[in-house]
N, C-alpha and C. Protein backbone atom coordinates (compact mmCIF):
# COMPACT_ATOMS: atom_id res chain seq x y z
N MET A 1 -30.00 99.13 23.09
CA MET A 1 -29.98 98.19 24.19
C MET A 1 -28.70 98.40 25.00
N ILE A 2 -28.86 98.51 26.32
CA ILE A 2 -27.74 98.80 27.21
C ILE A 2 -27.47 97.60 28.12
N ALA A 3 -26.22 97.27 28.29
CA ALA A 3 -25.81 96.25 29.26
C ALA A 3 -25.16 96.94 30.44
N GLY A 4 -25.60 96.59 31.65
CA GLY A 4 -24.94 97.03 32.86
C GLY A 4 -23.96 95.96 33.29
N VAL A 5 -22.79 96.37 33.78
CA VAL A 5 -21.75 95.43 34.20
C VAL A 5 -21.23 95.83 35.57
N ASP A 6 -21.09 94.84 36.45
CA ASP A 6 -20.51 95.08 37.77
C ASP A 6 -19.82 93.81 38.24
N GLU A 7 -18.94 93.99 39.22
CA GLU A 7 -18.21 92.84 39.78
C GLU A 7 -18.36 92.82 41.30
N VAL A 8 -18.10 91.67 41.87
CA VAL A 8 -18.10 91.50 43.34
C VAL A 8 -16.91 90.65 43.74
N GLY A 9 -16.47 90.84 44.99
CA GLY A 9 -15.42 90.00 45.54
C GLY A 9 -14.03 90.58 45.46
N ARG A 10 -13.91 91.86 45.16
CA ARG A 10 -12.56 92.45 45.06
C ARG A 10 -11.82 92.45 46.39
N GLY A 11 -12.52 92.66 47.48
CA GLY A 11 -11.86 92.77 48.78
C GLY A 11 -11.68 91.46 49.52
N CYS A 12 -12.02 90.38 48.89
CA CYS A 12 -11.92 89.06 49.54
C CYS A 12 -10.49 88.56 49.58
N LEU A 13 -10.25 87.65 50.51
CA LEU A 13 -8.95 86.98 50.61
C LEU A 13 -8.95 85.65 49.87
N ALA A 14 -10.16 85.17 49.52
CA ALA A 14 -10.28 83.86 48.88
C ALA A 14 -11.39 83.89 47.84
N GLY A 15 -11.24 83.01 46.86
CA GLY A 15 -12.26 82.86 45.83
C GLY A 15 -12.05 83.80 44.67
N PRO A 16 -12.83 83.59 43.62
CA PRO A 16 -12.69 84.41 42.42
C PRO A 16 -13.37 85.76 42.57
N VAL A 17 -13.04 86.65 41.66
CA VAL A 17 -13.82 87.87 41.48
C VAL A 17 -14.85 87.49 40.40
N ILE A 18 -16.10 87.85 40.65
CA ILE A 18 -17.20 87.49 39.75
C ILE A 18 -17.82 88.76 39.18
N ALA A 19 -18.11 88.74 37.90
CA ALA A 19 -18.78 89.87 37.25
C ALA A 19 -20.02 89.36 36.54
N ALA A 20 -20.98 90.26 36.39
CA ALA A 20 -22.18 89.95 35.61
C ALA A 20 -22.42 91.09 34.63
N SER A 21 -22.94 90.72 33.48
CA SER A 21 -23.45 91.67 32.49
C SER A 21 -24.93 91.41 32.36
N VAL A 22 -25.74 92.46 32.42
CA VAL A 22 -27.19 92.31 32.39
C VAL A 22 -27.81 93.31 31.42
N ILE A 23 -28.66 92.79 30.54
CA ILE A 23 -29.52 93.61 29.69
C ILE A 23 -30.94 93.36 30.18
N LEU A 24 -31.54 94.37 30.77
CA LEU A 24 -32.90 94.22 31.29
C LEU A 24 -33.91 94.27 30.15
N LYS A 25 -34.89 93.33 30.18
CA LYS A 25 -35.96 93.31 29.19
C LYS A 25 -37.11 94.21 29.60
N ARG A 26 -37.23 94.47 30.89
CA ARG A 26 -38.27 95.35 31.41
C ARG A 26 -37.82 95.93 32.74
N PRO A 27 -38.42 97.03 33.20
CA PRO A 27 -38.04 97.61 34.50
C PRO A 27 -38.36 96.63 35.64
N ILE A 28 -37.50 96.65 36.66
CA ILE A 28 -37.68 95.82 37.85
C ILE A 28 -37.61 96.73 39.07
N LYS A 29 -38.61 96.64 39.93
CA LYS A 29 -38.64 97.49 41.13
C LYS A 29 -37.66 96.98 42.18
N GLY A 30 -37.10 97.92 42.93
CA GLY A 30 -36.27 97.58 44.08
C GLY A 30 -34.80 97.38 43.79
N LEU A 31 -34.37 97.66 42.56
CA LEU A 31 -32.96 97.46 42.23
C LEU A 31 -32.09 98.53 42.87
N MET A 32 -30.98 98.08 43.44
CA MET A 32 -29.96 98.97 44.01
C MET A 32 -28.69 98.16 44.20
N ASP A 33 -27.65 98.80 44.66
CA ASP A 33 -26.38 98.13 44.92
C ASP A 33 -26.63 96.91 45.80
N SER A 34 -26.07 95.79 45.43
CA SER A 34 -26.29 94.53 46.16
C SER A 34 -25.87 94.63 47.63
N LYS A 35 -24.87 95.47 47.92
CA LYS A 35 -24.40 95.60 49.31
C LYS A 35 -25.45 96.25 50.21
N ARG A 36 -26.41 96.93 49.63
CA ARG A 36 -27.44 97.60 50.41
C ARG A 36 -28.68 96.74 50.63
N LEU A 37 -28.66 95.52 50.12
CA LEU A 37 -29.81 94.62 50.23
C LEU A 37 -29.52 93.46 51.17
N SER A 38 -30.55 92.97 51.82
CA SER A 38 -30.40 91.77 52.65
C SER A 38 -30.16 90.58 51.73
N SER A 39 -29.62 89.53 52.29
CA SER A 39 -29.36 88.31 51.53
C SER A 39 -30.65 87.78 50.90
N LYS A 40 -31.73 87.77 51.64
CA LYS A 40 -33.03 87.29 51.14
C LYS A 40 -33.51 88.15 49.99
N LYS A 41 -33.43 89.46 50.13
CA LYS A 41 -33.89 90.37 49.08
C LYS A 41 -33.03 90.20 47.82
N ARG A 42 -31.72 90.02 48.00
CA ARG A 42 -30.83 89.78 46.85
C ARG A 42 -31.24 88.51 46.12
N GLU A 43 -31.49 87.44 46.88
CA GLU A 43 -31.90 86.16 46.28
C GLU A 43 -33.19 86.33 45.48
N ASP A 44 -34.17 87.00 46.09
CA ASP A 44 -35.46 87.20 45.42
C ASP A 44 -35.29 88.02 44.15
N LEU A 45 -34.58 89.13 44.25
CA LEU A 45 -34.37 89.99 43.09
C LEU A 45 -33.56 89.28 42.00
N SER A 46 -32.58 88.48 42.41
CA SER A 46 -31.77 87.76 41.44
C SER A 46 -32.64 86.87 40.56
N GLN A 47 -33.60 86.17 41.17
CA GLN A 47 -34.51 85.31 40.41
C GLN A 47 -35.34 86.13 39.42
N ILE A 48 -35.83 87.28 39.87
CA ILE A 48 -36.63 88.15 39.00
C ILE A 48 -35.78 88.67 37.85
N ILE A 49 -34.56 89.09 38.17
CA ILE A 49 -33.64 89.60 37.14
C ILE A 49 -33.35 88.52 36.10
N ILE A 50 -33.04 87.33 36.55
CA ILE A 50 -32.71 86.23 35.64
C ILE A 50 -33.87 85.93 34.69
N LYS A 51 -35.10 86.01 35.19
CA LYS A 51 -36.28 85.74 34.36
C LYS A 51 -36.59 86.87 33.40
N ASN A 52 -36.10 88.06 33.68
CA ASN A 52 -36.48 89.24 32.90
C ASN A 52 -35.29 89.96 32.28
N SER A 53 -34.27 89.20 31.94
CA SER A 53 -33.08 89.82 31.35
C SER A 53 -32.31 88.83 30.50
N ILE A 54 -31.36 89.38 29.81
CA ILE A 54 -30.31 88.59 29.17
C ILE A 54 -29.09 88.86 30.04
N PHE A 55 -28.48 87.81 30.56
CA PHE A 55 -27.36 88.02 31.47
C PHE A 55 -26.28 86.98 31.24
N ALA A 56 -25.10 87.28 31.74
CA ALA A 56 -23.99 86.33 31.69
C ALA A 56 -23.04 86.63 32.84
N ILE A 57 -22.36 85.60 33.28
CA ILE A 57 -21.40 85.67 34.38
C ILE A 57 -19.99 85.48 33.83
N GLY A 58 -19.05 86.23 34.37
CA GLY A 58 -17.64 86.06 34.05
C GLY A 58 -16.86 85.98 35.35
N ALA A 59 -15.71 85.36 35.33
CA ALA A 59 -14.91 85.20 36.55
C ALA A 59 -13.43 85.29 36.24
N ALA A 60 -12.69 85.62 37.28
CA ALA A 60 -11.23 85.51 37.27
C ALA A 60 -10.87 84.84 38.59
N ASP A 61 -10.17 83.72 38.53
CA ASP A 61 -9.90 82.96 39.74
C ASP A 61 -8.73 83.53 40.55
N SER A 62 -8.50 82.94 41.69
CA SER A 62 -7.48 83.47 42.61
C SER A 62 -6.08 83.44 42.00
N GLN A 63 -5.79 82.44 41.16
CA GLN A 63 -4.48 82.40 40.52
C GLN A 63 -4.32 83.56 39.53
N GLU A 64 -5.38 83.85 38.77
CA GLU A 64 -5.32 84.98 37.85
C GLU A 64 -5.19 86.30 38.62
N ILE A 65 -5.91 86.42 39.73
CA ILE A 65 -5.82 87.62 40.56
C ILE A 65 -4.39 87.82 41.03
N ASP A 66 -3.76 86.75 41.48
CA ASP A 66 -2.37 86.84 41.95
C ASP A 66 -1.41 87.19 40.81
N GLN A 67 -1.70 86.73 39.61
CA GLN A 67 -0.80 86.98 38.47
C GLN A 67 -0.91 88.40 37.92
N ILE A 68 -2.15 88.91 37.82
CA ILE A 68 -2.32 90.18 37.10
C ILE A 68 -2.83 91.33 37.98
N ASN A 69 -3.13 91.10 39.22
CA ASN A 69 -3.62 92.02 40.24
C ASN A 69 -5.15 92.10 40.22
N ILE A 70 -5.71 92.55 41.30
CA ILE A 70 -7.17 92.50 41.47
C ILE A 70 -7.90 93.44 40.50
N LEU A 71 -7.36 94.60 40.23
CA LEU A 71 -8.03 95.50 39.29
C LEU A 71 -8.10 94.88 37.90
N GLN A 72 -6.97 94.39 37.41
CA GLN A 72 -6.94 93.78 36.08
C GLN A 72 -7.81 92.53 36.02
N ALA A 73 -7.83 91.75 37.10
CA ALA A 73 -8.67 90.55 37.16
C ALA A 73 -10.15 90.93 37.16
N SER A 74 -10.50 92.01 37.85
CA SER A 74 -11.89 92.48 37.85
C SER A 74 -12.32 92.90 36.45
N LEU A 75 -11.46 93.63 35.77
CA LEU A 75 -11.76 94.05 34.40
C LEU A 75 -11.87 92.85 33.46
N LEU A 76 -11.01 91.86 33.67
CA LEU A 76 -11.05 90.63 32.88
C LEU A 76 -12.37 89.88 33.10
N ALA A 77 -12.79 89.77 34.35
CA ALA A 77 -14.06 89.10 34.66
C ALA A 77 -15.22 89.83 34.01
N MET A 78 -15.19 91.17 34.05
CA MET A 78 -16.26 91.95 33.41
C MET A 78 -16.26 91.75 31.90
N GLN A 79 -15.09 91.77 31.30
CA GLN A 79 -14.97 91.55 29.86
C GLN A 79 -15.50 90.16 29.49
N ARG A 80 -15.15 89.15 30.29
CA ARG A 80 -15.61 87.79 30.03
C ARG A 80 -17.13 87.70 30.12
N SER A 81 -17.71 88.39 31.11
CA SER A 81 -19.17 88.33 31.24
C SER A 81 -19.84 88.97 30.02
N LEU A 82 -19.31 90.09 29.57
CA LEU A 82 -19.88 90.76 28.40
C LEU A 82 -19.77 89.87 27.16
N GLU A 83 -18.63 89.23 26.98
CA GLU A 83 -18.42 88.37 25.81
C GLU A 83 -19.35 87.16 25.80
N LYS A 84 -19.85 86.75 26.97
CA LYS A 84 -20.74 85.59 27.05
C LYS A 84 -22.21 85.92 26.80
N LEU A 85 -22.55 87.21 26.74
CA LEU A 85 -23.94 87.57 26.50
C LEU A 85 -24.43 86.99 25.17
N ASP A 86 -25.68 86.53 25.13
CA ASP A 86 -26.26 85.98 23.91
C ASP A 86 -26.58 87.07 22.88
N MET A 87 -26.64 88.31 23.34
CA MET A 87 -26.96 89.43 22.47
C MET A 87 -25.96 90.55 22.72
N GLN A 88 -25.48 91.17 21.66
CA GLN A 88 -24.53 92.26 21.83
C GLN A 88 -25.29 93.58 22.05
N PRO A 89 -24.98 94.27 23.16
CA PRO A 89 -25.64 95.55 23.41
C PRO A 89 -25.05 96.65 22.53
N LYS A 90 -25.79 97.76 22.44
CA LYS A 90 -25.29 98.93 21.72
C LYS A 90 -24.32 99.73 22.59
N LYS A 91 -24.50 99.65 23.92
CA LYS A 91 -23.66 100.40 24.85
C LYS A 91 -23.49 99.59 26.13
N VAL A 92 -22.34 99.78 26.77
CA VAL A 92 -22.04 99.11 28.04
C VAL A 92 -21.80 100.18 29.10
N LEU A 93 -22.47 100.02 30.24
CA LEU A 93 -22.27 100.89 31.39
C LEU A 93 -21.65 100.07 32.50
N VAL A 94 -20.50 100.51 32.99
CA VAL A 94 -19.74 99.77 33.99
C VAL A 94 -19.72 100.55 35.30
N ASP A 95 -19.93 99.85 36.42
CA ASP A 95 -19.81 100.51 37.71
C ASP A 95 -18.34 100.81 37.99
N GLY A 96 -18.07 102.02 38.47
CA GLY A 96 -16.70 102.38 38.86
C GLY A 96 -16.09 103.42 37.96
N ASN A 97 -14.77 103.44 37.96
CA ASN A 97 -14.07 104.44 37.15
C ASN A 97 -13.05 103.83 36.19
N HIS A 98 -13.17 102.53 35.93
CA HIS A 98 -12.28 101.85 34.99
C HIS A 98 -13.12 101.12 33.95
N ILE A 99 -12.61 101.07 32.74
CA ILE A 99 -13.28 100.30 31.69
C ILE A 99 -12.32 99.26 31.14
N PHE A 100 -12.87 98.29 30.46
CA PHE A 100 -12.09 97.22 29.84
C PHE A 100 -12.17 97.36 28.33
N GLU A 101 -11.35 96.60 27.65
CA GLU A 101 -11.27 96.64 26.20
C GLU A 101 -12.49 95.96 25.58
N THR A 102 -13.18 96.69 24.71
CA THR A 102 -14.31 96.14 23.97
C THR A 102 -14.55 97.00 22.74
N SER A 103 -15.14 96.43 21.71
CA SER A 103 -15.46 97.19 20.50
C SER A 103 -16.78 97.96 20.66
N ILE A 104 -17.50 97.70 21.73
CA ILE A 104 -18.78 98.34 21.99
C ILE A 104 -18.54 99.65 22.75
N GLU A 105 -19.38 100.64 22.50
CA GLU A 105 -19.29 101.89 23.25
C GLU A 105 -19.41 101.57 24.74
N ILE A 106 -18.51 102.10 25.55
CA ILE A 106 -18.46 101.77 26.97
C ILE A 106 -18.24 103.03 27.80
N GLU A 107 -18.88 103.05 28.97
CA GLU A 107 -18.76 104.20 29.87
C GLU A 107 -18.70 103.70 31.31
N ALA A 108 -17.79 104.25 32.07
CA ALA A 108 -17.68 103.95 33.50
C ALA A 108 -18.49 105.00 34.26
N ILE A 109 -19.25 104.52 35.25
CA ILE A 109 -20.08 105.42 36.06
C ILE A 109 -19.80 105.14 37.53
N VAL A 110 -19.17 106.07 38.20
CA VAL A 110 -18.90 105.93 39.63
C VAL A 110 -20.23 105.93 40.37
N GLY A 111 -20.44 104.92 41.21
CA GLY A 111 -21.70 104.78 41.94
C GLY A 111 -22.83 104.28 41.06
N GLY A 112 -22.49 103.75 39.90
CA GLY A 112 -23.50 103.27 38.95
C GLY A 112 -24.39 102.17 39.49
N ASP A 113 -23.89 101.40 40.46
CA ASP A 113 -24.70 100.32 41.02
C ASP A 113 -25.89 100.84 41.83
N ASN A 114 -25.90 102.13 42.15
CA ASN A 114 -27.05 102.75 42.80
C ASN A 114 -27.82 103.68 41.86
N LEU A 115 -27.27 103.94 40.68
CA LEU A 115 -27.87 104.90 39.77
C LEU A 115 -28.51 104.28 38.53
N ILE A 116 -27.93 103.22 38.03
CA ILE A 116 -28.34 102.64 36.75
C ILE A 116 -28.93 101.24 37.00
N PRO A 117 -30.22 101.04 36.69
CA PRO A 117 -30.87 99.76 36.99
C PRO A 117 -30.13 98.53 36.45
N SER A 118 -29.60 98.60 35.23
CA SER A 118 -28.92 97.40 34.70
C SER A 118 -27.62 97.11 35.44
N ILE A 119 -26.94 98.15 35.93
CA ILE A 119 -25.74 97.92 36.74
C ILE A 119 -26.13 97.36 38.10
N SER A 120 -27.20 97.89 38.70
CA SER A 120 -27.70 97.34 39.97
C SER A 120 -28.03 95.86 39.80
N ALA A 121 -28.70 95.53 38.70
CA ALA A 121 -29.06 94.14 38.43
C ALA A 121 -27.82 93.27 38.30
N ALA A 122 -26.79 93.79 37.62
CA ALA A 122 -25.53 93.04 37.48
C ALA A 122 -24.88 92.83 38.84
N SER A 123 -24.92 93.84 39.68
CA SER A 123 -24.36 93.75 41.04
C SER A 123 -25.05 92.63 41.82
N ILE A 124 -26.37 92.58 41.72
CA ILE A 124 -27.15 91.58 42.46
C ILE A 124 -26.89 90.18 41.94
N VAL A 125 -26.93 90.00 40.64
CA VAL A 125 -26.71 88.67 40.05
C VAL A 125 -25.31 88.16 40.37
N ALA A 126 -24.32 89.04 40.26
CA ALA A 126 -22.93 88.64 40.55
C ALA A 126 -22.77 88.27 42.02
N LYS A 127 -23.35 89.05 42.92
CA LYS A 127 -23.23 88.79 44.37
C LYS A 127 -23.89 87.46 44.74
N VAL A 128 -25.08 87.22 44.25
CA VAL A 128 -25.77 85.96 44.56
C VAL A 128 -24.98 84.78 44.01
N PHE A 129 -24.47 84.91 42.79
CA PHE A 129 -23.68 83.83 42.20
C PHE A 129 -22.43 83.55 43.04
N ARG A 130 -21.72 84.61 43.42
CA ARG A 130 -20.48 84.43 44.18
C ARG A 130 -20.77 83.87 45.57
N ASP A 131 -21.81 84.36 46.23
CA ASP A 131 -22.16 83.83 47.55
C ASP A 131 -22.47 82.34 47.49
N ARG A 132 -23.19 81.92 46.46
CA ARG A 132 -23.50 80.49 46.30
C ARG A 132 -22.22 79.69 46.05
N LEU A 133 -21.32 80.24 45.27
CA LEU A 133 -20.04 79.58 45.02
C LEU A 133 -19.25 79.41 46.32
N MET A 134 -19.22 80.45 47.14
CA MET A 134 -18.49 80.37 48.40
C MET A 134 -19.15 79.38 49.37
N MET A 135 -20.47 79.25 49.29
CA MET A 135 -21.17 78.23 50.09
C MET A 135 -20.71 76.83 49.66
N ALA A 136 -20.54 76.64 48.37
CA ALA A 136 -20.05 75.35 47.86
C ALA A 136 -18.62 75.11 48.34
N TYR A 137 -17.79 76.15 48.33
CA TYR A 137 -16.42 76.01 48.84
C TYR A 137 -16.41 75.68 50.33
N SER A 138 -17.43 76.10 51.06
CA SER A 138 -17.46 75.79 52.49
C SER A 138 -17.63 74.30 52.73
N LYS A 139 -18.21 73.60 51.77
CA LYS A 139 -18.33 72.13 51.87
C LYS A 139 -16.98 71.47 51.56
N GLU A 140 -16.26 72.05 50.60
CA GLU A 140 -14.95 71.51 50.24
C GLU A 140 -13.90 71.81 51.32
N PHE A 141 -14.02 72.98 51.94
CA PHE A 141 -13.09 73.42 52.98
C PHE A 141 -13.88 73.76 54.24
N PRO A 142 -14.39 72.74 54.95
CA PRO A 142 -15.32 72.99 56.06
C PRO A 142 -14.74 73.75 57.25
N ASN A 143 -13.43 73.77 57.41
CA ASN A 143 -12.83 74.45 58.56
C ASN A 143 -12.73 75.96 58.41
N TYR A 144 -13.00 76.50 57.23
CA TYR A 144 -12.71 77.91 56.98
C TYR A 144 -13.89 78.87 57.17
N GLY A 145 -15.10 78.37 57.25
CA GLY A 145 -16.26 79.24 57.45
C GLY A 145 -16.64 80.08 56.25
N PHE A 146 -16.34 79.61 55.04
CA PHE A 146 -16.69 80.38 53.84
C PHE A 146 -18.19 80.64 53.74
N ASP A 147 -19.00 79.76 54.33
CA ASP A 147 -20.45 79.98 54.31
C ASP A 147 -20.85 81.19 55.16
N LYS A 148 -19.99 81.59 56.08
CA LYS A 148 -20.28 82.73 56.95
C LYS A 148 -19.69 84.04 56.40
N HIS A 149 -18.42 84.01 56.02
CA HIS A 149 -17.75 85.26 55.62
C HIS A 149 -17.55 85.42 54.12
N LYS A 150 -17.84 84.39 53.35
CA LYS A 150 -17.76 84.43 51.88
C LYS A 150 -16.38 84.81 51.35
N GLY A 151 -15.34 84.62 52.17
CA GLY A 151 -13.98 84.91 51.73
C GLY A 151 -13.48 86.29 52.12
N TYR A 152 -14.35 87.11 52.70
CA TYR A 152 -13.92 88.46 53.11
C TYR A 152 -13.00 88.37 54.32
N PRO A 153 -12.19 89.40 54.58
CA PRO A 153 -11.18 89.34 55.65
C PRO A 153 -11.76 89.60 57.05
N THR A 154 -12.62 88.70 57.50
CA THR A 154 -13.20 88.81 58.83
C THR A 154 -12.24 88.23 59.87
N LYS A 155 -12.54 88.47 61.12
CA LYS A 155 -11.74 87.92 62.21
C LYS A 155 -11.73 86.39 62.13
N LEU A 156 -12.90 85.79 61.91
CA LEU A 156 -12.99 84.32 61.80
C LEU A 156 -12.12 83.81 60.66
N HIS A 157 -12.20 84.44 59.52
CA HIS A 157 -11.42 83.98 58.37
C HIS A 157 -9.92 84.05 58.67
N LYS A 158 -9.49 85.15 59.26
CA LYS A 158 -8.07 85.29 59.58
C LYS A 158 -7.62 84.26 60.62
N GLU A 159 -8.48 83.96 61.58
CA GLU A 159 -8.15 82.93 62.58
C GLU A 159 -8.01 81.57 61.92
N MET A 160 -8.89 81.25 60.98
CA MET A 160 -8.84 79.95 60.30
C MET A 160 -7.60 79.86 59.40
N LEU A 161 -7.21 80.98 58.81
CA LEU A 161 -5.99 81.00 58.01
C LEU A 161 -4.77 80.68 58.87
N LYS A 162 -4.72 81.30 60.07
CA LYS A 162 -3.60 81.04 60.98
C LYS A 162 -3.59 79.58 61.43
N LYS A 163 -4.77 79.04 61.69
CA LYS A 163 -4.87 77.68 62.21
C LYS A 163 -4.62 76.62 61.14
N TYR A 164 -5.19 76.82 59.93
CA TYR A 164 -5.15 75.77 58.92
C TYR A 164 -4.30 76.08 57.68
N GLY A 165 -3.85 77.32 57.54
CA GLY A 165 -3.06 77.67 56.36
C GLY A 165 -3.93 77.98 55.15
N LEU A 166 -3.28 78.07 54.01
CA LEU A 166 -3.96 78.47 52.78
C LEU A 166 -4.62 77.30 52.08
N THR A 167 -5.70 77.60 51.35
CA THR A 167 -6.33 76.63 50.45
C THR A 167 -5.95 77.02 49.02
N ARG A 168 -6.36 76.22 48.08
CA ARG A 168 -6.07 76.53 46.67
C ARG A 168 -6.85 77.75 46.18
N ILE A 169 -7.88 78.19 46.92
CA ILE A 169 -8.66 79.34 46.46
C ILE A 169 -8.24 80.66 47.12
N HIS A 170 -7.24 80.61 47.99
CA HIS A 170 -6.78 81.85 48.63
C HIS A 170 -5.91 82.66 47.68
N ARG A 171 -6.00 83.97 47.83
CA ARG A 171 -5.22 84.91 47.03
C ARG A 171 -3.90 85.15 47.74
N ARG A 172 -2.88 84.52 47.28
CA ARG A 172 -1.59 84.51 47.97
C ARG A 172 -0.90 85.87 48.03
N THR A 173 -1.24 86.78 47.14
CA THR A 173 -0.58 88.09 47.12
C THR A 173 -1.30 89.13 47.99
N PHE A 174 -2.40 88.75 48.62
CA PHE A 174 -3.16 89.71 49.41
C PHE A 174 -2.65 89.82 50.82
N LYS A 175 -2.60 91.06 51.32
CA LYS A 175 -2.24 91.31 52.72
C LYS A 175 -3.25 90.57 53.61
N GLY A 176 -2.74 89.91 54.63
CA GLY A 176 -3.59 89.12 55.50
C GLY A 176 -3.58 87.63 55.14
N VAL A 177 -3.10 87.32 53.93
CA VAL A 177 -2.99 85.94 53.49
C VAL A 177 -1.52 85.52 53.50
N ASN A 178 -0.66 86.40 52.98
CA ASN A 178 0.76 86.06 52.82
C ASN A 178 1.55 86.23 54.10
């Protein structure tokens, strides 16, 4: 049994980095890197993945990102997601070229979110989860437009930062925030 692991939100100025670990119970059509899918298609696939897999979400918040850096926080979020799985896989496949500490056999695969179905599934589940979280933050911080840019460094986001300053979810060590 193989678990695919991926993270989303590394390039954002606000919010946590989110990772998912997914063990697919059966093949699912249409899986690919979440960035290549429309929001609607991601939502639809996420529901199918959740019904047909064992999955878990892990996170590292903006304070952790500022303390240990985005790469280490991403690896921490991935490790947390794997540790939350209800079933331990025999092998872990991670998107990218970095791995985290685990007693399970682990392999990093560059471009894995387009090559390995379980990594694609993890990418989709993590993206949908994070987007929903940022939508919730848009209610808490209505002036920032998190529902539109999801924390990424868009022109709107940078304008709102200049106008209103930082929130508790902003990454203070990131260029464009500090």
